[in-house]
Amino acid sequence: MMTLALNPSLALRVNDQLSVGMGLTAQYMNAAYQ
């Protein structure tokens, strides 16, 4: 089982003490079972 994730993100520095962020993930999975 192999996966590959592409994860772009954005971050906002609210002030000197606080930062927040969010990202989206596109994940490819390829699996083989025998």
PDB file of all heavy atoms in Angstrom:
ATOM      1  N   MET A   1       0.849  -1.180   0.000  1.00  0.00           N
ATOM      2  CA  MET A   1       0.000   0.000   0.000  1.00  0.00           C
ATOM      3  C   MET A   1       0.885   1.230   0.000  1.00  0.00           C
ATOM      4  O   MET A   1       1.772   1.373   0.844  1.00  0.00           O
ATOM      5  CB  MET A   1      -0.931   0.043   1.207  1.00  0.00           C
ATOM      6  CG  MET A   1      -1.876   1.240   1.191  1.00  0.00           C
ATOM      7  SD  MET A   1      -2.996   1.284   2.585  1.00  0.00           S
ATOM      8  CE  MET A   1      -1.863   1.603   3.911  1.00  0.00           C
ATOM      9  N   MET A   2       0.677   2.102  -0.970  1.00  0.00           N
ATOM     10  CA  MET A   2       1.428   3.336  -1.081  1.00  0.00           C
ATOM     11  C   MET A   2       0.460   4.502  -1.123  1.00  0.00           C
ATOM     12  O   MET A   2      -0.574   4.442  -1.784  1.00  0.00           O
ATOM     13  CB  MET A   2       2.291   3.322  -2.344  1.00  0.00           C
ATOM     14  CG  MET A   2       3.176   4.557  -2.524  1.00  0.00           C
ATOM     15  SD  MET A   2       2.354   5.922  -3.395  1.00  0.00           S
ATOM     16  CE  MET A   2       2.343   5.298  -5.066  1.00  0.00           C
ATOM     17  N   THR A   3       0.775   5.558  -0.393  1.00  0.00           N
ATOM     18  CA  THR A   3       0.002   6.784  -0.480  1.00  0.00           C
ATOM     19  C   THR A   3       0.932   7.951  -0.760  1.00  0.00           C
ATOM     20  O   THR A   3       2.106   7.945  -0.374  1.00  0.00           O
ATOM     21  CB  THR A   3      -0.789   7.080   0.806  1.00  0.00           C
ATOM     22  OG1 THR A   3       0.129   7.204   1.896  1.00  0.00           O
ATOM     23  CG2 THR A   3      -1.794   5.992   1.101  1.00  0.00           C
ATOM     24  N   LEU A   4       0.409   8.966  -1.400  1.00  0.00           N
ATOM     25  CA  LEU A   4       1.128  10.210  -1.639  1.00  0.00           C
ATOM     26  C   LEU A   4       0.157  11.347  -1.388  1.00  0.00           C
ATOM     27  O   LEU A   4      -0.939  11.381  -1.959  1.00  0.00           O
ATOM     28  CB  LEU A   4       1.642  10.271  -3.079  1.00  0.00           C
ATOM     29  CG  LEU A   4       2.342  11.568  -3.468  1.00  0.00           C
ATOM     30  CD1 LEU A   4       3.650  11.708  -2.711  1.00  0.00           C
ATOM     31  CD2 LEU A   4       2.593  11.628  -4.966  1.00  0.00           C
ATOM     32  N   ALA A   5       0.536  12.287  -0.514  1.00  0.00           N
ATOM     33  CA  ALA A   5      -0.346  13.391  -0.146  1.00  0.00           C
ATOM     34  C   ALA A   5       0.225  14.713  -0.646  1.00  0.00           C
ATOM     35  O   ALA A   5       1.417  14.987  -0.484  1.00  0.00           O
ATOM     36  CB  ALA A   5      -0.533  13.444   1.361  1.00  0.00           C
ATOM     37  N   LEU A   6      -0.641  15.527  -1.248  1.00  0.00           N
ATOM     38  CA  LEU A   6      -0.327  16.904  -1.614  1.00  0.00           C
ATOM     39  C   LEU A   6      -1.127  17.800  -0.680  1.00  0.00           C
ATOM     40  O   LEU A   6      -2.365  17.732  -0.657  1.00  0.00           O
ATOM     41  CB  LEU A   6      -0.707  17.175  -3.070  1.00  0.00           C
ATOM     42  CG  LEU A   6      -0.148  16.215  -4.129  1.00  0.00           C
ATOM     43  CD1 LEU A   6      -0.657  16.596  -5.511  1.00  0.00           C
ATOM     44  CD2 LEU A   6       1.371  16.210  -4.104  1.00  0.00           C
ATOM     45  N   ASN A   7      -0.429  18.645   0.098  1.00  0.00           N
ATOM     46  CA  ASN A   7      -1.083  19.363   1.192  1.00  0.00           C
ATOM     47  C   ASN A   7      -0.732  20.858   1.166  1.00  0.00           C
ATOM     48  O   ASN A   7       0.161  21.312   1.873  1.00  0.00           O
ATOM     49  CB  ASN A   7      -0.658  18.726   2.518  1.00  0.00           C
ATOM     50  CG  ASN A   7      -1.411  19.239   3.736  1.00  0.00           C
ATOM     51  OD1 ASN A   7      -1.047  18.888   4.846  1.00  0.00           O
ATOM     52  ND2 ASN A   7      -2.432  20.050   3.565  1.00  0.00           N
ATOM     53  N   PRO A   8      -1.429  21.664   0.330  1.00  0.00           N
ATOM     54  CA  PRO A   8      -1.234  23.120   0.387  1.00  0.00           C
ATOM     55  C   PRO A   8      -1.926  23.696   1.614  1.00  0.00           C
ATOM     56  O   PRO A   8      -2.927  23.152   2.092  1.00  0.00           O
ATOM     57  CB  PRO A   8      -1.890  23.608  -0.906  1.00  0.00           C
ATOM     58  CG  PRO A   8      -2.927  22.578  -1.206  1.00  0.00           C
ATOM     59  CD  PRO A   8      -2.378  21.261  -0.717  1.00  0.00           C
ATOM     60  N   SER A   9      -1.395  24.816   2.129  1.00  0.00           N
ATOM     61  CA  SER A   9      -1.954  25.385   3.358  1.00  0.00           C
ATOM     62  C   SER A   9      -1.745  26.893   3.384  1.00  0.00           C
ATOM     63  O   SER A   9      -0.895  27.448   2.686  1.00  0.00           O
ATOM     64  CB  SER A   9      -1.308  24.751   4.595  1.00  0.00           C
ATOM     65  OG  SER A   9       0.102  24.950   4.586  1.00  0.00           O
ATOM     66  N   LEU A  10      -2.526  27.570   4.235  1.00  0.00           N
ATOM     67  CA  LEU A  10      -2.395  28.991   4.505  1.00  0.00           C
ATOM     68  C   LEU A  10      -2.343  29.209   6.009  1.00  0.00           C
ATOM     69  O   LEU A  10      -3.007  28.484   6.777  1.00  0.00           O
ATOM     70  CB  LEU A  10      -3.582  29.773   3.929  1.00  0.00           C
ATOM     71  CG  LEU A  10      -3.635  29.954   2.408  1.00  0.00           C
ATOM     72  CD1 LEU A  10      -4.957  30.605   2.010  1.00  0.00           C
ATOM     73  CD2 LEU A  10      -2.456  30.799   1.914  1.00  0.00           C
ATOM     74  N   ALA A  11      -1.544  30.194   6.432  1.00  0.00           N
ATOM     75  CA  ALA A  11      -1.436  30.523   7.850  1.00  0.00           C
ATOM     76  C   ALA A  11      -1.616  32.020   8.048  1.00  0.00           C
ATOM     77  O   ALA A  11      -1.166  32.834   7.221  1.00  0.00           O
ATOM     78  CB  ALA A  11      -0.088  30.081   8.403  1.00  0.00           C
ATOM     79  N   LEU A  12      -2.269  32.386   9.127  1.00  0.00           N
ATOM     80  CA  LEU A  12      -2.526  33.784   9.463  1.00  0.00           C
ATOM     81  C   LEU A  12      -1.936  34.077  10.835  1.00  0.00           C
ATOM     82  O   LEU A  12      -2.256  33.390  11.814  1.00  0.00           O
ATOM     83  CB  LEU A  12      -4.032  34.053   9.482  1.00  0.00           C
ATOM     84  CG  LEU A  12      -4.462  35.471   9.876  1.00  0.00           C
ATOM     85  CD1 LEU A  12      -4.020  36.478   8.818  1.00  0.00           C
ATOM     86  CD2 LEU A  12      -5.978  35.530  10.077  1.00  0.00           C
ATOM     87  N   ARG A  13      -1.068  35.079  10.889  1.00  0.00           N
ATOM     88  CA  ARG A  13      -0.502  35.501  12.165  1.00  0.00           C
ATOM     89  C   ARG A  13      -1.440  36.552  12.754  1.00  0.00           C
ATOM     90  O   ARG A  13      -1.449  37.722  12.322  1.00  0.00           O
ATOM     91  CB  ARG A  13       0.898  36.062  11.973  1.00  0.00           C
ATOM     92  CG  ARG A  13       1.624  36.292  13.278  1.00  0.00           C
ATOM     93  CD  ARG A  13       3.114  36.107  13.108  1.00  0.00           C
ATOM     94  NE  ARG A  13       3.790  36.096  14.384  1.00  0.00           N
ATOM     95  CZ  ARG A  13       5.008  35.642  14.575  1.00  0.00           C
ATOM     96  NH1 ARG A  13       5.677  35.124  13.553  1.00  0.00           N
ATOM     97  NH2 ARG A  13       5.581  35.664  15.757  1.00  0.00           N
ATOM     98  N   VAL A  14      -2.257  36.142  13.704  1.00  0.00           N
ATOM     99  CA  VAL A  14      -3.275  37.028  14.275  1.00  0.00           C
ATOM    100  C   VAL A  14      -2.624  38.156  15.058  1.00  0.00           C
ATOM    101  O   VAL A  14      -2.985  39.336  14.930  1.00  0.00           O
ATOM    102  CB  VAL A  14      -4.240  36.226  15.169  1.00  0.00           C
ATOM    103  CG1 VAL A  14      -5.290  37.134  15.790  1.00  0.00           C
ATOM    104  CG2 VAL A  14      -4.903  35.113  14.364  1.00  0.00           C
ATOM    105  N   ASN A  15      -1.647  37.817  15.890  1.00  0.00           N
ATOM    106  CA  ASN A  15      -0.857  38.796  16.641  1.00  0.00           C
ATOM    107  C   ASN A  15       0.460  38.138  17.034  1.00  0.00           C
ATOM    108  O   ASN A  15       0.769  37.035  16.546  1.00  0.00           O
ATOM    109  CB  ASN A  15      -1.633  39.316  17.873  1.00  0.00           C
ATOM    110  CG  ASN A  15      -2.143  38.178  18.757  1.00  0.00           C
ATOM    111  OD1 ASN A  15      -1.419  37.235  19.041  1.00  0.00           O
ATOM    112  ND2 ASN A  15      -3.407  38.286  19.175  1.00  0.00           N
ATOM    113  N   ASP A  16       1.228  38.767  17.896  1.00  0.00           N
ATOM    114  CA  ASP A  16       2.532  38.219  18.269  1.00  0.00           C
ATOM    115  C   ASP A  16       2.421  36.901  19.016  1.00  0.00           C
ATOM    116  O   ASP A  16       3.381  36.131  19.067  1.00  0.00           O
ATOM    117  CB  ASP A  16       3.301  39.224  19.133  1.00  0.00           C
ATOM    118  CG  ASP A  16       3.758  40.430  18.333  1.00  0.00           C
ATOM    119  OD1 ASP A  16       3.790  40.317  17.090  1.00  0.00           O
ATOM    120  OD2 ASP A  16       4.064  41.461  18.954  1.00  0.00           O
ATOM    121  N   GLN A  17       1.265  36.626  19.615  1.00  0.00           N
ATOM    122  CA  GLN A  17       1.108  35.401  20.399  1.00  0.00           C
ATOM    123  C   GLN A  17       0.360  34.279  19.668  1.00  0.00           C
ATOM    124  O   GLN A  17       0.539  33.107  19.993  1.00  0.00           O
ATOM    125  CB  GLN A  17       0.352  35.704  21.713  1.00  0.00           C
ATOM    126  CG  GLN A  17       1.147  36.475  22.748  1.00  0.00           C
ATOM    127  CD  GLN A  17       1.228  37.943  22.413  1.00  0.00           C
ATOM    128  OE1 GLN A  17       0.248  38.548  21.987  1.00  0.00           O
ATOM    129  NE2 GLN A  17       2.403  38.537  22.614  1.00  0.00           N
ATOM    130  N   LEU A  18      -0.465  34.616  18.698  1.00  0.00           N
ATOM    131  CA  LEU A  18      -1.379  33.618  18.139  1.00  0.00           C
ATOM    132  C   LEU A  18      -1.279  33.541  16.620  1.00  0.00           C
ATOM    133  O   LEU A  18      -1.293  34.564  15.931  1.00  0.00           O
ATOM    134  CB  LEU A  18      -2.822  33.975  18.538  1.00  0.00           C
ATOM    135  CG  LEU A  18      -3.914  33.001  18.106  1.00  0.00           C
ATOM    136  CD1 LEU A  18      -3.765  31.663  18.827  1.00  0.00           C
ATOM    137  CD2 LEU A  18      -5.300  33.598  18.375  1.00  0.00           C
ATOM    138  N   SER A  19      -1.194  32.295  16.108  1.00  0.00           N
ATOM    139  CA  SER A  19      -1.235  32.037  14.670  1.00  0.00           C
ATOM    140  C   SER A  19      -2.152  30.858  14.414  1.00  0.00           C
ATOM    141  O   SER A  19      -2.204  29.906  15.198  1.00  0.00           O
ATOM    142  CB  SER A  19       0.162  31.737  14.128  1.00  0.00           C
ATOM    143  OG  SER A  19       1.015  32.844  14.272  1.00  0.00           O
ATOM    144  N   VAL A  20      -2.877  30.921  13.290  1.00  0.00           N
ATOM    145  CA  VAL A  20      -3.786  29.841  12.925  1.00  0.00           C
ATOM    146  C   VAL A  20      -3.517  29.446  11.479  1.00  0.00           C
ATOM    147  O   VAL A  20      -2.989  30.233  10.678  1.00  0.00           O
ATOM    148  CB  VAL A  20      -5.266  30.250  13.096  1.00  0.00           C
ATOM    149  CG1 VAL A  20      -5.596  30.531  14.548  1.00  0.00           C
ATOM    150  CG2 VAL A  20      -5.587  31.465  12.226  1.00  0.00           C
ATOM    151  N   GLY A  21      -3.873  28.217  11.142  1.00  0.00           N
ATOM    152  CA  GLY A  21      -3.646  27.753   9.786  1.00  0.00           C
ATOM    153  C   GLY A  21      -4.626  26.666   9.390  1.00  0.00           C
ATOM    154  O   GLY A  21      -5.227  26.011  10.243  1.00  0.00           O
ATOM    155  N   MET A  22      -4.778  26.505   8.085  1.00  0.00           N
ATOM    156  CA  MET A  22      -5.595  25.409   7.577  1.00  0.00           C
ATOM    157  C   MET A  22      -5.016  24.948   6.250  1.00  0.00           C
ATOM    158  O   MET A  22      -4.370  25.702   5.527  1.00  0.00           O
ATOM    159  CB  MET A  22      -7.057  25.816   7.408  1.00  0.00           C
ATOM    160  CG  MET A  22      -7.346  26.752   6.266  1.00  0.00           C
ATOM    161  SD  MET A  22      -9.129  26.889   5.927  1.00  0.00           S
ATOM    162  CE  MET A  22      -9.487  25.200   5.409  1.00  0.00           C
ATOM    163  N   GLY A  23      -5.250  23.666   5.940  1.00  0.00           N
ATOM    164  CA  GLY A  23      -4.753  23.109   4.696  1.00  0.00           C
ATOM    165  C   GLY A  23      -5.750  22.143   4.093  1.00  0.00           C
ATOM    166  O   GLY A  23      -6.663  21.652   4.777  1.00  0.00           O
ATOM    167  N   LEU A  24      -5.582  21.880   2.819  1.00  0.00           N
ATOM    168  CA  LEU A  24      -6.372  20.885   2.108  1.00  0.00           C
ATOM    169  C   LEU A  24      -5.436  19.766   1.656  1.00  0.00           C
ATOM    170  O   LEU A  24      -4.288  20.025   1.289  1.00  0.00           O
ATOM    171  CB  LEU A  24      -7.072  21.514   0.904  1.00  0.00           C
ATOM    172  CG  LEU A  24      -8.047  22.645   1.203  1.00  0.00           C
ATOM    173  CD1 LEU A  24      -8.575  23.246  -0.094  1.00  0.00           C
ATOM    174  CD2 LEU A  24      -9.202  22.147   2.072  1.00  0.00           C
ATOM    175  N   THR A  25      -5.935  18.545   1.658  1.00  0.00           N
ATOM    176  CA  THR A  25      -5.113  17.394   1.304  1.00  0.00           C
ATOM    177  C   THR A  25      -5.746  16.622   0.168  1.00  0.00           C
ATOM    178  O   THR A  25      -6.923  16.247   0.237  1.00  0.00           O
ATOM    179  CB  THR A  25      -4.935  16.451   2.510  1.00  0.00           C
ATOM    180  OG1 THR A  25      -4.361  17.164   3.603  1.00  0.00           O
ATOM    181  CG2 THR A  25      -4.021  15.282   2.146  1.00  0.00           C
ATOM    182  N   ALA A  26      -4.962  16.382  -0.877  1.00  0.00           N
ATOM    183  CA  ALA A  26      -5.341  15.459  -1.947  1.00  0.00           C
ATOM    184  C   ALA A  26      -4.439  14.240  -1.803  1.00  0.00           C
ATOM    185  O   ALA A  26      -3.217  14.352  -1.858  1.00  0.00           O
ATOM    186  CB  ALA A  26      -5.160  16.106  -3.314  1.00  0.00           C
ATOM    187  N   GLN A  27      -5.038  13.083  -1.581  1.00  0.00           N
ATOM    188  CA  GLN A  27      -4.273  11.871  -1.261  1.00  0.00           C
ATOM    189  C   GLN A  27      -4.509  10.777  -2.299  1.00  0.00           C
ATOM    190  O   GLN A  27      -5.648  10.377  -2.539  1.00  0.00           O
ATOM    191  CB  GLN A  27      -4.667  11.369   0.124  1.00  0.00           C
ATOM    192  CG  GLN A  27      -3.922  10.118   0.582  1.00  0.00           C
ATOM    193  CD  GLN A  27      -4.201   9.815   2.030  1.00  0.00           C
ATOM    194  OE1 GLN A  27      -3.652  10.445   2.929  1.00  0.00           O
ATOM    195  NE2 GLN A  27      -5.075   8.861   2.294  1.00  0.00           N
ATOM    196  N   TYR A  28      -3.432  10.322  -2.882  1.00  0.00           N
ATOM    197  CA  TYR A  28      -3.477   9.216  -3.842  1.00  0.00           C
ATOM    198  C   TYR A  28      -3.094   7.928  -3.123  1.00  0.00           C
ATOM    199  O   TYR A  28      -2.112   7.895  -2.372  1.00  0.00           O
ATOM    200  CB  TYR A  28      -2.520   9.473  -4.995  1.00  0.00           C
ATOM    201  CG  TYR A  28      -2.379   8.321  -5.957  1.00  0.00           C
ATOM    202  CD1 TYR A  28      -3.379   8.031  -6.883  1.00  0.00           C
ATOM    203  CD2 TYR A  28      -1.238   7.518  -5.934  1.00  0.00           C
ATOM    204  CE1 TYR A  28      -3.247   6.974  -7.768  1.00  0.00           C
ATOM    205  CE2 TYR A  28      -1.100   6.466  -6.824  1.00  0.00           C
ATOM    206  CZ  TYR A  28      -2.101   6.184  -7.736  1.00  0.00           C
ATOM    207  OH  TYR A  28      -1.969   5.139  -8.609  1.00  0.00           O
ATOM    208  N   MET A  29      -3.868   6.884  -3.331  1.00  0.00           N
ATOM    209  CA  MET A  29      -3.572   5.582  -2.725  1.00  0.00           C
ATOM    210  C   MET A  29      -3.577   4.506  -3.799  1.00  0.00           C
ATOM    211  O   MET A  29      -4.463   4.469  -4.649  1.00  0.00           O
ATOM    212  CB  MET A  29      -4.588   5.242  -1.630  1.00  0.00           C
ATOM    213  CG  MET A  29      -4.324   3.909  -0.937  1.00  0.00           C
ATOM    214  SD  MET A  29      -5.510   3.533   0.410  1.00  0.00           S
ATOM    215  CE  MET A  29      -4.993   4.729   1.647  1.00  0.00           C
ATOM    216  N   ASN A  30      -2.579   3.647  -3.743  1.00  0.00           N
ATOM    217  CA  ASN A  30      -2.450   2.522  -4.666  1.00  0.00           C
ATOM    218  C   ASN A  30      -2.146   1.292  -3.823  1.00  0.00           C
ATOM    219  O   ASN A  30      -1.193   1.292  -3.046  1.00  0.00           O
ATOM    220  CB  ASN A  30      -1.317   2.799  -5.659  1.00  0.00           C
ATOM    221  CG  ASN A  30      -1.280   1.798  -6.793  1.00  0.00           C
ATOM    222  OD1 ASN A  30      -1.608   0.637  -6.612  1.00  0.00           O
ATOM    223  ND2 ASN A  30      -0.859   2.244  -7.967  1.00  0.00           N
ATOM    224  N   ALA A  31      -2.956   0.246  -3.945  1.00  0.00           N
ATOM    225  CA  ALA A  31      -2.801  -0.921  -3.082  1.00  0.00           C
ATOM    226  C   ALA A  31      -2.878  -2.203  -3.891  1.00  0.00           C
ATOM    227  O   ALA A  31      -3.569  -2.280  -4.919  1.00  0.00           O
ATOM    228  CB  ALA A  31      -3.883  -0.934  -1.995  1.00  0.00           C
ATOM    229  N   ALA A  32      -2.147  -3.208  -3.422  1.00  0.00           N
ATOM    230  CA  ALA A  32      -2.192  -4.538  -4.018  1.00  0.00           C
ATOM    231  C   ALA A  32      -2.187  -5.564  -2.888  1.00  0.00           C
ATOM    232  O   ALA A  32      -1.439  -5.424  -1.919  1.00  0.00           O
ATOM    233  CB  ALA A  32      -1.002  -4.773  -4.942  1.00  0.00           C
ATOM    234  N   TYR A  33      -3.036  -6.564  -3.015  1.00  0.00           N
ATOM    235  CA  TYR A  33      -3.168  -7.605  -1.982  1.00  0.00           C
ATOM    236  C   TYR A  33      -3.245  -8.959  -2.676  1.00  0.00           C
ATOM    237  O   TYR A  33      -3.953  -9.116  -3.672  1.00  0.00           O
ATOM    238  CB  TYR A  33      -4.436  -7.363  -1.161  1.00  0.00           C
ATOM    239  CG  TYR A  33      -4.794  -8.472  -0.197  1.00  0.00           C
ATOM    240  CD1 TYR A  33      -4.058  -8.671   0.965  1.00  0.00           C
ATOM    241  CD2 TYR A  33      -5.870  -9.317  -0.454  1.00  0.00           C
ATOM    242  CE1 TYR A  33      -4.391  -9.690   1.850  1.00  0.00           C
ATOM    243  CE2 TYR A  33      -6.215 -10.333   0.422  1.00  0.00           C
ATOM    244  CZ  TYR A  33      -5.472 -10.511   1.571  1.00  0.00           C
ATOM    245  OH  TYR A  33      -5.782 -11.514   2.444  1.00  0.00           O
ATOM    246  N   GLN A  34      -2.513  -9.927  -2.136  1.00  0.00           N
ATOM    247  CA  GLN A  34      -2.553 -11.272  -2.705  1.00  0.00           C
ATOM    248  C   GLN A  34      -2.568 -12.313  -1.604  1.00  0.00           C
ATOM    249  O   GLN A  34      -1.896 -12.168  -0.585  1.00  0.00           O
ATOM    250  CB  GLN A  34      -1.338 -11.507  -3.612  1.00  0.00           C
ATOM    251  CG  GLN A  34      -1.307 -12.914  -4.232  1.00  0.00           C
ATOM    252  CD  GLN A  34      -0.185 -13.078  -5.242  1.00  0.00           C
ATOM    253  OE1 GLN A  34      -0.158 -12.387  -6.254  1.00  0.00           O
ATOM    254  NE2 GLN A  34       0.746 -13.987  -4.959  1.00  0.00           N
TER     255      GLN A  34
END
